[in-house]
PDB file of N, CA and C in Angstrom:
ATOM      1  N   MET A   1       1.071  -1.532  -0.066  1.00  0.00           N
ATOM      2  CA  MET A   1      -0.123  -0.025  -0.080  1.00  0.00           C
ATOM      3  C   MET A   1       0.727   1.283   0.263  1.00  0.00           C
ATOM      4  N   LEU A   2       2.315   1.229   0.644  1.00  0.00           N
ATOM      5  CA  LEU A   2       2.882   2.357   0.580  1.00  0.00           C
ATOM      6  C   LEU A   2       3.584   3.076  -0.905  1.00  0.00           C
ATOM      7  N   ALA A   3       3.867   1.436  -1.044  1.00  0.00           N
ATOM      8  CA  ALA A   3       4.522   1.801  -2.662  1.00  0.00           C
ATOM      9  C   ALA A   3       3.338   2.502  -3.813  1.00  0.00           C
ATOM     10  N   TYR A   4       1.826   2.009  -2.961  1.00  0.00           N
ATOM     11  CA  TYR A   4       1.111   2.708  -4.226  1.00  0.00           C
ATOM     12  C   TYR A   4       0.997   4.120  -4.171  1.00  0.00           C
ATOM     13  N   LEU A   5       1.045   4.806  -2.604  1.00  0.00           N
ATOM     14  CA  LEU A   5       1.244   6.035  -2.308  1.00  0.00           C
ATOM     15  C   LEU A   5       2.271   6.585  -2.808  1.00  0.00           C
ATOM     16  N   ARG A   6       3.411   5.669  -3.193  1.00  0.00           N
ATOM     17  CA  ARG A   6       4.406   6.994  -3.366  1.00  0.00           C
ATOM     18  C   ARG A   6       4.259   6.596  -5.162  1.00  0.00           C
ATOM     19  N   TYR A   7       4.009   5.932  -5.526  1.00  0.00           N
ATOM     20  CA  TYR A   7       3.801   6.098  -7.147  1.00  0.00           C
ATOM     21  C   TYR A   7       2.656   7.099  -7.549  1.00  0.00           C
ATOM     22  N   ILE A   8       1.515   7.258  -6.583  1.00  0.00           N
ATOM     23  CA  ILE A   8       0.403   8.417  -7.128  1.00  0.00           C
ATOM     24  C   ILE A   8       1.334   9.902  -6.793  1.00  0.00           C
ATOM     25  N   PHE A   9       2.314  10.246  -5.424  1.00  0.00           N
ATOM     26  CA  PHE A   9       2.617  11.187  -5.206  1.00  0.00           C
ATOM     27  C   PHE A   9       3.954  11.804  -5.875  1.00  0.00           C
ATOM     28  N   ILE A  10       4.428  10.937  -6.985  1.00  0.00           N
ATOM     29  CA  ILE A  10       5.647  11.236  -7.669  1.00  0.00           C
ATOM     30  C   ILE A  10       4.512  11.014  -8.840  1.00  0.00           C
ATOM     31  N   LEU A  11       3.718  10.934  -9.587  1.00  0.00           N
ATOM     32  CA  LEU A  11       2.926  10.990 -10.320  1.00  0.00           C
ATOM     33  C   LEU A  11       2.396  13.077 -10.497  1.00  0.00           C
ATOM     34  N   LEU A  12       1.472  12.613  -9.483  1.00  0.00           N
ATOM     35  CA  LEU A  12       1.349  13.874  -8.939  1.00  0.00           C
ATOM     36  C   LEU A  12       2.225  15.279  -8.849  1.00  0.00           C
ATOM     37  N   VAL A  13       3.061  15.350  -8.674  1.00  0.00           N
ATOM     38  CA  VAL A  13       4.321  16.275  -8.873  1.00  0.00           C
ATOM     39  C   VAL A  13       4.953  16.357 -10.300  1.00  0.00           C
ATOM     40  N   LEU A  14       4.889  15.128 -10.969  1.00  0.00           N
ATOM     41  CA  LEU A  14       5.478  15.192 -12.014  1.00  0.00           C
ATOM     42  C   LEU A  14       3.939  16.134 -12.979  1.00  0.00           C
ATOM     43  N   LEU A  15       3.089  15.494 -12.915  1.00  0.00           N
ATOM     44  CA  LEU A  15       1.737  16.380 -13.683  1.00  0.00           C
ATOM     45  C   LEU A  15       1.579  17.717 -13.191  1.00  0.00           C
ATOM     46  N   SER A  16       1.991  18.456 -12.064  1.00  0.00           N
ATOM     47  CA  SER A  16       1.765  19.819 -11.512  1.00  0.00           C
ATOM     48  C   SER A  16       2.906  20.244 -12.107  1.00  0.00           C
ATOM     49  N   GLY A  17       4.026  19.902 -12.708  1.00  0.00           N
ATOM     50  CA  GLY A  17       5.059  20.625 -13.518  1.00  0.00           C
ATOM     51  C   GLY A  17       4.265  20.744 -15.173  1.00  0.00           C
ATOM     52  N   CYS A  18       3.834  20.340 -15.083  1.00  0.00           N
ATOM     53  CA  CYS A  18       3.392  19.833 -16.989  1.00  0.00           C
ATOM     54  C   CYS A  18       1.940  21.294 -16.897  1.00  0.00           C
ATOM     55  N   ALA A  19       1.334  21.662 -15.695  1.00  0.00           N
ATOM     56  CA  ALA A  19       0.140  22.572 -16.228  1.00  0.00           C
ATOM     57  C   ALA A  19       0.448  23.700 -17.227  1.00  0.00           C
ATOM     58  N   THR A  20      -0.768  23.691 -17.844  1.00  0.00           N
ATOM     59  CA  THR A  20      -0.578  24.424 -18.859  1.00  0.00           C
ATOM     60  C   THR A  20      -1.075  26.282 -18.312  1.00  0.00           C
ATOM     61  N   PRO A  21      -0.359  27.324 -18.754  1.00  0.00           N
ATOM     62  CA  PRO A  21      -0.496  28.371 -18.493  1.00  0.00           C
ATOM     63  C   PRO A  21      -2.000  28.631 -19.010  1.00  0.00           C
ATOM     64  N   GLN A  22      -2.501  29.611 -17.961  1.00  0.00           N
ATOM     65  CA  GLN A  22      -3.527  30.325 -18.708  1.00  0.00           C
ATOM     66  C   GLN A  22      -3.656  31.862 -18.921  1.00  0.00           C
ATOM     67  N   LEU A  23      -4.615  31.864 -19.803  1.00  0.00           N
ATOM     68  CA  LEU A  23      -4.501  32.899 -20.456  1.00  0.00           C
ATOM     69  C   LEU A  23      -6.039  33.515 -19.633  1.00  0.00           C
ATOM     70  N   ASN A  24      -4.741  34.897 -18.673  1.00  0.00           N
ATOM     71  CA  ASN A  24      -6.413  35.816 -18.158  1.00  0.00           C
ATOM     72  C   ASN A  24      -5.442  37.096 -17.825  1.00  0.00           C
ATOM     73  N   TYR A  25      -6.370  37.913 -17.608  1.00  0.00           N
ATOM     74  CA  TYR A  25      -5.523  39.389 -17.323  1.00  0.00           C
ATOM     75  C   TYR A  25      -4.926  39.566 -16.414  1.00  0.00           C
ATOM     76  N   THR A  26      -4.784  38.323 -15.152  1.00  0.00           N
ATOM     77  CA  THR A  26      -3.213  38.321 -14.369  1.00  0.00           C
ATOM     78  C   THR A  26      -2.355  38.178 -15.093  1.00  0.00           C
ATOM     79  N   SER A  27      -2.231  36.744 -15.709  1.00  0.00           N
ATOM     80  CA  SER A  27      -0.849  36.191 -16.312  1.00  0.00           C
ATOM     81  C   SER A  27      -0.440  37.325 -17.464  1.00  0.00           C
ATOM     82  N   PHE A  28      -1.806  38.334 -18.186  1.00  0.00           N
ATOM     83  CA  PHE A  28      -1.105  38.647 -19.003  1.00  0.00           C
ATOM     84  C   PHE A  28      -0.559  40.315 -18.969  1.00  0.00           C
ATOM     85  N   ALA A  29      -0.984  40.293 -17.139  1.00  0.00           N
ATOM     86  CA  ALA A  29      -0.472  41.465 -16.954  1.00  0.00           C
ATOM     87  C   ALA A  29       1.248  41.150 -16.342  1.00  0.00           C
ATOM     88  N   GLU A  30       1.622  40.378 -16.042  1.00  0.00           N
ATOM     89  CA  GLU A  30       3.114  39.441 -15.930  1.00  0.00           C
ATOM     90  C   GLU A  30       3.408  39.727 -16.881  1.00  0.00           C
ATOM     91  N   VAL A  31       3.492  40.081 -18.026  1.00  0.00           N
ATOM     92  CA  VAL A  31       4.253  40.157 -19.514  1.00  0.00           C
ATOM     93  C   VAL A  31       4.891  41.727 -19.853  1.00  0.00           C
ATOM     94  N   GLU A  32       5.842  41.669 -19.959  1.00  0.00           N
ATOM     95  CA  GLU A  32       6.617  43.207 -19.660  1.00  0.00           C
ATOM     96  C   GLU A  32       7.455  43.568 -20.960  1.00  0.00           C
ATOM     97  N   LYS A  33       7.006  44.620 -21.416  1.00  0.00           N
ATOM     98  CA  LYS A  33       7.973  45.337 -22.352  1.00  0.00           C
ATOM     99  C   LYS A  33       9.605  44.672 -22.190  1.00  0.00           C
ATOM    100  N   GLY A  34      10.164  44.409 -23.212  1.00  0.00           N
ATOM    101  CA  GLY A  34      11.817  43.950 -23.379  1.00  0.00           C
ATOM    102  C   GLY A  34      11.880  42.209 -23.073  1.00  0.00           C
ATOM    103  N   MET A  35      10.584  41.051 -22.934  1.00  0.00           N
ATOM    104  CA  MET A  35      10.580  40.030 -22.391  1.00  0.00           C
ATOM    105  C   MET A  35      11.177  39.682 -23.697  1.00  0.00           C
ATOM    106  N   THR A  36      11.275  38.633 -23.746  1.00  0.00           N
ATOM    107  CA  THR A  36      11.629  37.085 -24.765  1.00  0.00           C
ATOM    108  C   THR A  36      10.492  36.596 -25.388  1.00  0.00           C
ATOM    109  N   GLU A  37      10.213  36.040 -26.238  1.00  0.00           N
ATOM    110  CA  GLU A  37       9.619  35.380 -27.038  1.00  0.00           C
ATOM    111  C   GLU A  37       9.539  34.088 -26.029  1.00  0.00           C
ATOM    112  N   GLN A  38      10.207  33.562 -25.383  1.00  0.00           N
ATOM    113  CA  GLN A  38      10.071  32.021 -24.686  1.00  0.00           C
ATOM    114  C   GLN A  38       9.315  32.455 -23.390  1.00  0.00           C
ATOM    115  N   GLU A  39       9.995  33.433 -22.812  1.00  0.00           N
ATOM    116  CA  GLU A  39       9.504  34.142 -21.647  1.00  0.00           C
ATOM    117  C   GLU A  39       7.582  34.433 -21.826  1.00  0.00           C
ATOM    118  N   VAL A  40       7.617  34.573 -22.950  1.00  0.00           N
ATOM    119  CA  VAL A  40       6.140  35.258 -22.651  1.00  0.00           C
ATOM    120  C   VAL A  40       5.244  33.848 -22.658  1.00  0.00           C
ATOM    121  N   ILE A  41       6.132  32.828 -23.770  1.00  0.00           N
ATOM    122  CA  ILE A  41       4.435  31.804 -24.017  1.00  0.00           C
ATOM    123  C   ILE A  41       5.043  30.789 -22.853  1.00  0.00           C
ATOM    124  N   LYS A  42       5.944  31.176 -22.171  1.00  0.00           N
ATOM    125  CA  LYS A  42       5.933  30.359 -20.429  1.00  0.00           C
ATOM    126  C   LYS A  42       5.343  30.953 -19.780  1.00  0.00           C
ATOM    127  N   ILE A  43       4.731  32.266 -19.542  1.00  0.00           N
ATOM    128  CA  ILE A  43       3.733  32.674 -18.914  1.00  0.00           C
ATOM    129  C   ILE A  43       1.770  32.682 -19.546  1.00  0.00           C
ATOM    130  N   LEU A  44       2.330  32.776 -20.999  1.00  0.00           N
ATOM    131  CA  LEU A  44       0.682  32.846 -21.255  1.00  0.00           C
ATOM    132  C   LEU A  44       0.498  31.265 -22.204  1.00  0.00           C
ATOM    133  N   GLY A  45       1.298  30.443 -22.458  1.00  0.00           N
ATOM    134  CA  GLY A  45       1.445  28.844 -23.244  1.00  0.00           C
ATOM    135  C   GLY A  45       1.301  29.267 -24.688  1.00  0.00           C
ATOM    136  N   GLU A  46       1.078  28.401 -25.260  1.00  0.00           N
ATOM    137  CA  GLU A  46       1.262  28.556 -26.892  1.00  0.00           C
ATOM    138  C   GLU A  46       0.386  29.343 -27.429  1.00  0.00           C
ATOM    139  N   PRO A  47       0.398  30.273 -28.241  1.00  0.00           N
ATOM    140  CA  PRO A  47      -0.223  31.364 -29.028  1.00  0.00           C
ATOM    141  C   PRO A  47      -0.811  30.230 -29.883  1.00  0.00           C
ATOM    142  N   THR A  48      -2.378  30.959 -29.981  1.00  0.00           N
ATOM    143  CA  THR A  48      -2.973  30.340 -31.594  1.00  0.00           C
ATOM    144  C   THR A  48      -2.968  30.438 -32.604  1.00  0.00           C
ATOM    145  N   LYS A  49      -1.723  32.091 -32.600  1.00  0.00           N
ATOM    146  CA  LYS A  49      -1.629  32.504 -34.167  1.00  0.00           C
ATOM    147  C   LYS A  49      -0.361  33.165 -34.146  1.00  0.00           C
ATOM    148  N   VAL A  50       0.657  33.344 -34.844  1.00  0.00           N
ATOM    149  CA  VAL A  50       1.781  33.704 -35.078  1.00  0.00           C
ATOM    150  C   VAL A  50       1.851  33.898 -36.495  1.00  0.00           C
ATOM    151  N   THR A  51       2.837  35.629 -36.558  1.00  0.00           N
ATOM    152  CA  THR A  51       2.563  36.222 -38.004  1.00  0.00           C
ATOM    153  C   THR A  51       3.651  37.043 -37.790  1.00  0.00           C
ATOM    154  N   GLY A  52       4.692  37.053 -38.883  1.00  0.00           N
ATOM    155  CA  GLY A  52       5.928  37.659 -38.837  1.00  0.00           C
ATOM    156  C   GLY A  52       6.066  38.108 -40.264  1.00  0.00           C
ATOM    157  N   GLY A  53       7.135  39.299 -40.138  1.00  0.00           N
ATOM    158  CA  GLY A  53       7.792  39.837 -41.276  1.00  0.00           C
ATOM    159  C   GLY A  53       8.897  40.755 -40.964  1.00  0.00           C
ATOM    160  N   SER A  54       9.806  40.995 -41.900  1.00  0.00           N
ATOM    161  CA  SER A  54      10.793  42.020 -41.983  1.00  0.00           C
ATOM    162  C   SER A  54      10.383  43.240 -42.524  1.00  0.00           C
ATOM    163  N   VAL A  55      11.600  44.245 -42.267  1.00  0.00           N
ATOM    164  CA  VAL A  55      11.376  45.104 -43.659  1.00  0.00           C
ATOM    165  C   VAL A  55      12.865  45.282 -43.501  1.00  0.00           C
ATOM    166  N   ASP A  56      13.729  45.959 -44.765  1.00  0.00           N
ATOM    167  CA  ASP A  56      14.513  46.448 -45.185  1.00  0.00           C
ATOM    168  C   ASP A  56      14.686  47.900 -45.197  1.00  0.00           C
ATOM    169  N   THR A  57      15.322  48.400 -44.159  1.00  0.00           N
ATOM    170  CA  THR A  57      15.006  49.634 -44.080  1.00  0.00           C
ATOM    171  C   THR A  57      15.888  50.386 -45.022  1.00  0.00           C
ATOM    172  N   GLY A  58      16.925  49.704 -45.907  1.00  0.00           N
ATOM    173  CA  GLY A  58      17.741  50.641 -47.057  1.00  0.00           C
ATOM    174  C   GLY A  58      18.766  51.474 -46.207  1.00  0.00           C
ATOM    175  N   THR A  59      19.186  52.209 -47.163  1.00  0.00           N
ATOM    176  CA  THR A  59      20.760  52.791 -46.715  1.00  0.00           C
ATOM    177  C   THR A  59      20.330  54.010 -45.688  1.00  0.00           C
ATOM    178  N   ILE A  60      19.462  54.154 -45.410  1.00  0.00           N
ATOM    179  CA  ILE A  60      19.112  55.457 -44.293  1.00  0.00           C
ATOM    180  C   ILE A  60      18.958  54.467 -43.279  1.00  0.00           C
ATOM    181  N   GLY A  61      18.424  53.226 -42.928  1.00  0.00           N
ATOM    182  CA  GLY A  61      18.051  52.441 -41.985  1.00  0.00           C
ATOM    183  C   GLY A  61      19.621  51.873 -41.824  1.00  0.00           C
ATOM    184  N   THR A  62      20.416  51.697 -42.746  1.00  0.00           N
ATOM    185  CA  THR A  62      21.954  50.865 -42.248  1.00  0.00           C
ATOM    186  C   THR A  62      22.836  52.259 -41.449  1.00  0.00           C
ATOM    187  N   LEU A  63      22.355  53.451 -42.347  1.00  0.00           N
ATOM    188  CA  LEU A  63      23.034  54.585 -41.348  1.00  0.00           C
ATOM    189  C   LEU A  63      22.987  54.713 -39.919  1.00  0.00           C
ATOM    190  N   LEU A  64      21.678  54.180 -39.740  1.00  0.00           N
ATOM    191  CA  LEU A  64      21.313  54.155 -38.296  1.00  0.00           C
ATOM    192  C   LEU A  64      21.279  52.852 -37.526  1.00  0.00           C
ATOM    193  N   GLY A  65      22.283  52.212 -38.065  1.00  0.00           N
ATOM    194  CA  GLY A  65      22.674  50.574 -37.467  1.00  0.00           C
ATOM    195  C   GLY A  65      21.153  49.692 -37.564  1.00  0.00           C
ATOM    196  N   LEU A  66      19.758  50.010 -38.356  1.00  0.00           N
ATOM    197  CA  LEU A  66      18.630  49.800 -38.238  1.00  0.00           C
ATOM    198  C   LEU A  66      18.575  48.918 -39.688  1.00  0.00           C
ATOM    199  N   ASP A  67      19.757  47.911 -39.835  1.00  0.00           N
ATOM    200  CA  ASP A  67      19.786  47.372 -41.451  1.00  0.00           C
ATOM    201  C   ASP A  67      18.505  46.541 -41.930  1.00  0.00           C
ATOM    202  N   ASN A  68      18.045  45.872 -40.943  1.00  0.00           N
ATOM    203  CA  ASN A  68      16.379  45.183 -41.296  1.00  0.00           C
ATOM    204  C   ASN A  68      16.059  44.882 -40.072  1.00  0.00           C
ATOM    205  N   LEU A  69      14.953  45.183 -39.737  1.00  0.00           N
ATOM    206  CA  LEU A  69      13.654  45.175 -38.974  1.00  0.00           C
ATOM    207  C   LEU A  69      12.482  43.802 -39.271  1.00  0.00           C
ATOM    208  N   SER A  70      12.964  42.752 -38.145  1.00  0.00           N
ATOM    209  CA  SER A  70      12.189  41.739 -38.078  1.00  0.00           C
ATOM    210  C   SER A  70      10.982  42.051 -36.792  1.00  0.00           C
ATOM    211  N   GLY A  71       9.922  41.730 -37.006  1.00  0.00           N
ATOM    212  CA  GLY A  71       8.952  41.348 -36.113  1.00  0.00           C
ATOM    213  C   GLY A  71       7.803  40.462 -36.100  1.00  0.00           C
ATOM    214  N   THR A  72       7.307  39.916 -34.944  1.00  0.00           N
ATOM    215  CA  THR A  72       6.511  38.521 -34.958  1.00  0.00           C
ATOM    216  C   THR A  72       5.198  39.273 -34.211  1.00  0.00           C
ATOM    217  N   THR A  73       4.143  38.834 -34.528  1.00  0.00           N
ATOM    218  CA  THR A  73       2.939  39.446 -33.713  1.00  0.00           C
ATOM    219  C   THR A  73       2.379  37.625 -33.571  1.00  0.00           C
ATOM    220  N   MET A  74       2.217  37.620 -31.740  1.00  0.00           N
ATOM    221  CA  MET A  74       1.485  36.096 -31.517  1.00  0.00           C
ATOM    222  C   MET A  74       0.454  36.767 -31.248  1.00  0.00           C
ATOM    223  N   THR A  75      -0.696  35.992 -31.211  1.00  0.00           N
ATOM    224  CA  THR A  75      -2.153  36.087 -30.859  1.00  0.00           C
ATOM    225  C   THR A  75      -2.685  35.168 -29.747  1.00  0.00           C
ATOM    226  N   TRP A  76      -3.268  35.381 -28.920  1.00  0.00           N
ATOM    227  CA  TRP A  76      -3.655  33.938 -27.869  1.00  0.00           C
ATOM    228  C   TRP A  76      -5.463  34.433 -28.098  1.00  0.00           C
ATOM    229  N   THR A  77      -6.147  33.565 -28.200  1.00  0.00           N
ATOM    230  CA  THR A  77      -7.586  33.567 -28.468  1.00  0.00           C
ATOM    231  C   THR A  77      -8.401  32.571 -27.710  1.00  0.00           C
ATOM    232  N   THR A  78      -9.246  33.191 -26.659  1.00  0.00           N
ATOM    233  CA  THR A  78     -10.190  32.547 -25.863  1.00  0.00           C
ATOM    234  C   THR A  78     -11.576  32.338 -26.575  1.00  0.00           C
ATOM    235  N   GLU A  79     -12.695  31.363 -26.164  1.00  0.00           N
ATOM    236  CA  GLU A  79     -13.818  32.175 -26.338  1.00  0.00           C
ATOM    237  C   GLU A  79     -14.328  33.733 -25.877  1.00  0.00           C
ATOM    238  N   LYS A  80     -13.671  34.222 -24.883  1.00  0.00           N
ATOM    239  CA  LYS A  80     -13.762  35.593 -24.087  1.00  0.00           C
ATOM    240  C   LYS A  80     -12.903  36.583 -24.365  1.00  0.00           C
ATOM    241  N   ILE A  81     -11.689  36.261 -24.927  1.00  0.00           N
ATOM    242  CA  ILE A  81     -10.157  36.643 -24.851  1.00  0.00           C
ATOM    243  C   ILE A  81      -9.529  36.917 -26.067  1.00  0.00           C
ATOM    244  N   LYS A  82      -9.224  38.177 -25.833  1.00  0.00           N
ATOM    245  CA  LYS A  82      -8.271  37.929 -27.142  1.00  0.00           C
ATOM    246  C   LYS A  82      -6.779  38.647 -26.781  1.00  0.00           C
ATOM    247  N   ALA A  83      -5.426  38.653 -26.636  1.00  0.00           N
ATOM    248  CA  ALA A  83      -4.684  39.405 -26.800  1.00  0.00           C
ATOM    249  C   ALA A  83      -3.356  38.693 -27.804  1.00  0.00           C
ATOM    250  N   ASN A  84      -3.194  40.046 -27.972  1.00  0.00           N
ATOM    251  CA  ASN A  84      -1.958  40.339 -29.024  1.00  0.00           C
ATOM    252  C   ASN A  84      -0.428  40.734 -28.764  1.00  0.00           C
ATOM    253  N   ILE A  85       0.895  40.516 -28.871  1.00  0.00           N
ATOM    254  CA  ILE A  85       1.756  40.624 -28.553  1.00  0.00           C
ATOM    255  C   ILE A  85       2.799  40.821 -29.502  1.00  0.00           C
ATOM    256  N   LEU A  86       3.268  42.086 -30.039  1.00  0.00           N
ATOM    257  CA  LEU A  86       3.899  42.834 -30.782  1.00  0.00           C
ATOM    258  C   LEU A  86       5.556  42.409 -30.735  1.00  0.00           C
ATOM    259  N   PHE A  87       6.833  41.826 -30.889  1.00  0.00           N
ATOM    260  CA  PHE A  87       7.801  41.329 -30.934  1.00  0.00           C
ATOM    261  C   PHE A  87       8.471  42.035 -31.990  1.00  0.00           C
ATOM    262  N   LEU A  88       9.326  42.835 -31.391  1.00  0.00           N
ATOM    263  CA  LEU A  88      10.517  43.540 -32.643  1.00  0.00           C
ATOM    264  C   LEU A  88      12.060  43.020 -31.875  1.00  0.00           C
ATOM    265  N   LYS A  89      12.543  42.612 -33.169  1.00  0.00           N
ATOM    266  CA  LYS A  89      14.179  41.307 -32.496  1.00  0.00           C
ATOM    267  C   LYS A  89      13.587  40.719 -31.572  1.00  0.00           C
ATOM    268  N   GLY A  90      13.169  40.182 -31.720  1.00  0.00           N
ATOM    269  CA  GLY A  90      12.718  38.777 -30.610  1.00  0.00           C
ATOM    270  C   GLY A  90      12.291  39.612 -28.658  1.00  0.00           C
ATOM    271  N   LYS A  91      12.019  40.479 -28.469  1.00  0.00           N
ATOM    272  CA  LYS A  91      11.631  41.571 -27.646  1.00  0.00           C
ATOM    273  C   LYS A  91       9.930  42.122 -27.652  1.00  0.00           C
ATOM    274  N   VAL A  92       9.570  42.021 -26.363  1.00  0.00           N
ATOM    275  CA  VAL A  92       8.085  42.553 -26.596  1.00  0.00           C
ATOM    276  C   VAL A  92       8.098  44.275 -26.967  1.00  0.00           C
ATOM    277  N   LYS A  93       7.584  44.822 -27.467  1.00  0.00           N
ATOM    278  CA  LYS A  93       7.364  45.965 -28.398  1.00  0.00           C
ATOM    279  C   LYS A  93       6.320  46.448 -27.304  1.00  0.00           C
ATOM    280  N   THR A  94       4.722  45.698 -27.768  1.00  0.00           N
ATOM    281  CA  THR A  94       3.603  46.374 -27.063  1.00  0.00           C
ATOM    282  C   THR A  94       2.827  45.433 -26.996  1.00  0.00           C
ATOM    283  N   LYS A  95       1.497  45.490 -26.369  1.00  0.00           N
ATOM    284  CA  LYS A  95       0.500  44.521 -26.026  1.00  0.00           C
ATOM    285  C   LYS A  95      -0.726  44.900 -25.964  1.00  0.00           C
ATOM    286  N   SER A  96      -1.575  44.008 -25.966  1.00  0.00           N
ATOM    287  CA  SER A  96      -2.904  44.729 -26.479  1.00  0.00           C
ATOM    288  C   SER A  96      -3.791  43.062 -25.727  1.00  0.00           C
ATOM    289  N   TYR A  97      -4.936  43.362 -24.953  1.00  0.00           N
ATOM    290  CA  TYR A  97      -5.902  42.925 -24.400  1.00  0.00           C
ATOM    291  C   TYR A  97      -7.634  42.941 -24.384  1.00  0.00           C
ATOM    292  N   THR A  98      -8.065  42.071 -24.924  1.00  0.00           N
ATOM    293  CA  THR A  98      -9.393  42.519 -24.770  1.00  0.00           C
ATOM    294  C   THR A  98     -10.427  41.494 -24.589  1.00  0.00           C
ATOM    295  N   ASN A  99     -11.608  41.891 -24.219  1.00  0.00           N
ATOM    296  CA  ASN A  99     -12.296  41.207 -23.641  1.00  0.00           C
ATOM    297  C   ASN A  99     -13.552  41.221 -24.380  1.00  0.00           C
ATOM    298  N   GLN A 100     -13.945  39.769 -25.270  1.00  0.00           N
ATOM    299  CA  GLN A 100     -14.643  39.853 -26.556  1.00  0.00           C
ATOM    300  C   GLN A 100     -15.664  39.265 -25.572  1.00  0.00           C
ATOM    301  N   PHE A 101     -17.212  40.317 -25.885  1.00  0.00           N
ATOM    302  CA  PHE A 101     -18.009  39.365 -25.255  1.00  0.00           C
ATOM    303  C   PHE A 101     -19.007  38.936 -26.792  1.00  0.00           C
TER     304      PHE A 101
END
């Protein structure tokens, strides 16, 4: 019987480490400007949509040290919530959170 309890305890500990992050305003508020994509995913979980792109800034951009600007937008959507986060060069630049009624 003691062995059974030990296995159940180990299983519960392992499963608690696999808990999926939940999208809500409290978790969204933890996301801060400058965080990496991986840090955000750890807080909010996998996004439902990811889009990306880059812009060649040309000669003027090169003179300013901005040869290429790359960005990614990640979107998390549930039945009632939509959150968007824009990453520039892999770091949070802006974020928005909407309750959808």
